């Protein structure tokens, strides 16, 4: 699964791509529009690819 994220706020930020595979994928559920904090930055999920 590939998750495309962008930070919340003004600016034309480059997207961050997260890739999950194998046993980590089973408990991991996401939806477009969800927000999470990583490295003191709030990220928004823009796209989820299988």
N, C-alpha and C. Protein backbone atom coordinates (compact mmCIF):
# COMPACT_ATOMS: atom_id res chain seq x y z
N UNK A 1 0.85 -1.16 0.00
CA UNK A 1 0.00 0.00 0.00
C UNK A 1 0.90 1.23 0.00
N UNK A 2 0.52 2.22 -0.77
CA UNK A 2 1.25 3.48 -0.84
C UNK A 2 0.31 4.60 -0.39
N UNK A 3 0.80 5.45 0.51
CA UNK A 3 0.02 6.56 1.04
C UNK A 3 0.73 7.85 0.66
N UNK A 4 0.01 8.77 0.01
CA UNK A 4 0.54 10.07 -0.40
C UNK A 4 0.01 11.11 0.59
N UNK A 5 0.93 11.88 1.22
CA UNK A 5 0.57 12.86 2.26
C UNK A 5 1.17 14.22 1.95
N UNK A 6 0.48 15.27 2.41
CA UNK A 6 1.00 16.64 2.32
C UNK A 6 0.78 17.31 3.67
N UNK A 7 1.68 18.20 4.06
CA UNK A 7 1.49 18.91 5.32
C UNK A 7 0.33 19.90 5.22
N UNK A 8 -0.30 20.14 6.35
CA UNK A 8 -1.43 21.07 6.40
C UNK A 8 -0.87 22.48 6.53
N UNK A 9 -1.51 23.42 5.88
CA UNK A 9 -1.11 24.81 5.99
C UNK A 9 -0.80 25.40 4.63
N UNK A 10 -0.45 26.68 4.62
CA UNK A 10 -0.17 27.35 3.35
C UNK A 10 1.16 26.88 2.75
N UNK A 11 1.26 27.06 1.49
CA UNK A 11 2.50 26.70 0.80
C UNK A 11 2.31 25.56 -0.17
N UNK A 12 3.19 25.50 -1.11
CA UNK A 12 3.16 24.45 -2.12
C UNK A 12 4.18 23.39 -1.73
N UNK A 13 3.83 22.55 -0.77
CA UNK A 13 4.73 21.55 -0.23
C UNK A 13 4.81 20.34 -1.14
N UNK A 14 5.96 19.72 -1.19
CA UNK A 14 6.13 18.48 -1.92
C UNK A 14 5.48 17.35 -1.13
N UNK A 15 4.83 16.44 -1.82
CA UNK A 15 4.15 15.33 -1.16
C UNK A 15 5.14 14.33 -0.59
N UNK A 16 4.75 13.68 0.50
CA UNK A 16 5.55 12.62 1.11
C UNK A 16 4.88 11.29 0.77
N UNK A 17 5.66 10.32 0.37
CA UNK A 17 5.14 9.00 0.01
C UNK A 17 5.57 7.98 1.06
N UNK A 18 4.59 7.29 1.63
CA UNK A 18 4.87 6.22 2.59
C UNK A 18 4.46 4.90 1.95
N UNK A 19 5.32 3.89 2.05
CA UNK A 19 5.00 2.58 1.49
C UNK A 19 5.01 1.55 2.61
N UNK A 20 3.94 0.76 2.67
CA UNK A 20 3.80 -0.29 3.67
C UNK A 20 3.60 -1.62 2.97
N UNK A 21 4.27 -2.66 3.47
CA UNK A 21 4.14 -4.00 2.89
C UNK A 21 4.42 -5.03 3.98
N UNK A 22 3.94 -6.23 3.76
CA UNK A 22 4.22 -7.33 4.68
C UNK A 22 3.37 -7.29 5.93
N UNK A 23 3.91 -7.79 7.06
CA UNK A 23 3.12 -7.92 8.28
C UNK A 23 2.68 -6.59 8.89
N UNK A 24 3.37 -5.47 8.59
CA UNK A 24 2.96 -4.17 9.13
C UNK A 24 1.62 -3.72 8.56
N UNK A 25 1.24 -4.22 7.40
CA UNK A 25 0.05 -3.76 6.70
C UNK A 25 -1.24 -4.19 7.38
N UNK A 26 -1.27 -5.34 8.03
CA UNK A 26 -2.49 -5.90 8.61
C UNK A 26 -3.21 -4.96 9.57
N UNK A 27 -2.56 -4.36 10.58
CA UNK A 27 -3.30 -3.49 11.50
C UNK A 27 -3.40 -2.03 11.03
N UNK A 28 -2.92 -1.73 9.85
CA UNK A 28 -2.82 -0.35 9.38
C UNK A 28 -4.01 0.00 8.49
N UNK A 29 -4.87 0.91 8.94
CA UNK A 29 -5.99 1.37 8.12
C UNK A 29 -5.94 2.89 8.02
N UNK A 30 -6.18 3.42 6.83
CA UNK A 30 -6.16 4.86 6.60
C UNK A 30 -7.29 5.23 5.66
N UNK A 31 -7.62 6.52 5.62
CA UNK A 31 -8.62 7.03 4.71
C UNK A 31 -8.17 8.41 4.23
N UNK A 32 -8.57 8.77 3.04
CA UNK A 32 -8.24 10.08 2.48
C UNK A 32 -8.86 11.15 3.38
N UNK A 33 -8.08 12.16 3.71
CA UNK A 33 -8.54 13.26 4.55
C UNK A 33 -8.12 13.12 6.00
N UNK A 34 -7.68 11.94 6.43
CA UNK A 34 -7.23 11.77 7.81
C UNK A 34 -5.96 12.59 8.05
N UNK A 35 -5.77 12.98 9.30
CA UNK A 35 -4.58 13.75 9.68
C UNK A 35 -3.79 12.99 10.73
N UNK A 36 -2.47 13.14 10.68
CA UNK A 36 -1.61 12.53 11.69
C UNK A 36 -0.38 13.42 11.87
N UNK A 37 0.28 13.27 13.02
CA UNK A 37 1.46 14.06 13.33
C UNK A 37 2.70 13.20 13.17
N UNK A 38 3.68 13.73 12.46
CA UNK A 38 4.94 13.04 12.28
C UNK A 38 6.04 14.10 12.28
N UNK A 39 6.93 14.03 13.23
CA UNK A 39 8.02 15.00 13.29
C UNK A 39 7.56 16.42 13.54
N UNK A 40 6.58 16.60 14.43
CA UNK A 40 6.03 17.91 14.80
C UNK A 40 5.33 18.61 13.64
N UNK A 41 4.99 17.89 12.59
CA UNK A 41 4.25 18.44 11.45
C UNK A 41 2.96 17.64 11.30
N UNK A 42 1.85 18.34 11.09
CA UNK A 42 0.57 17.66 10.88
C UNK A 42 0.42 17.40 9.38
N UNK A 43 0.24 16.12 9.04
CA UNK A 43 0.12 15.69 7.65
C UNK A 43 -1.30 15.28 7.35
N UNK A 44 -1.74 15.49 6.09
CA UNK A 44 -3.06 15.07 5.63
C UNK A 44 -2.88 14.03 4.54
N UNK A 45 -3.65 12.96 4.62
CA UNK A 45 -3.57 11.91 3.61
C UNK A 45 -4.35 12.36 2.38
N UNK A 46 -3.67 12.43 1.23
CA UNK A 46 -4.27 12.90 -0.01
C UNK A 46 -4.72 11.76 -0.92
N UNK A 47 -4.00 10.65 -0.87
CA UNK A 47 -4.28 9.54 -1.78
C UNK A 47 -3.78 8.24 -1.18
N UNK A 48 -4.53 7.15 -1.41
CA UNK A 48 -4.12 5.81 -0.96
C UNK A 48 -4.17 4.91 -2.18
N UNK A 49 -3.04 4.27 -2.49
CA UNK A 49 -2.94 3.36 -3.63
C UNK A 49 -2.70 1.94 -3.13
N UNK A 50 -3.28 0.94 -3.79
CA UNK A 50 -3.06 -0.45 -3.34
C UNK A 50 -1.64 -0.93 -3.55
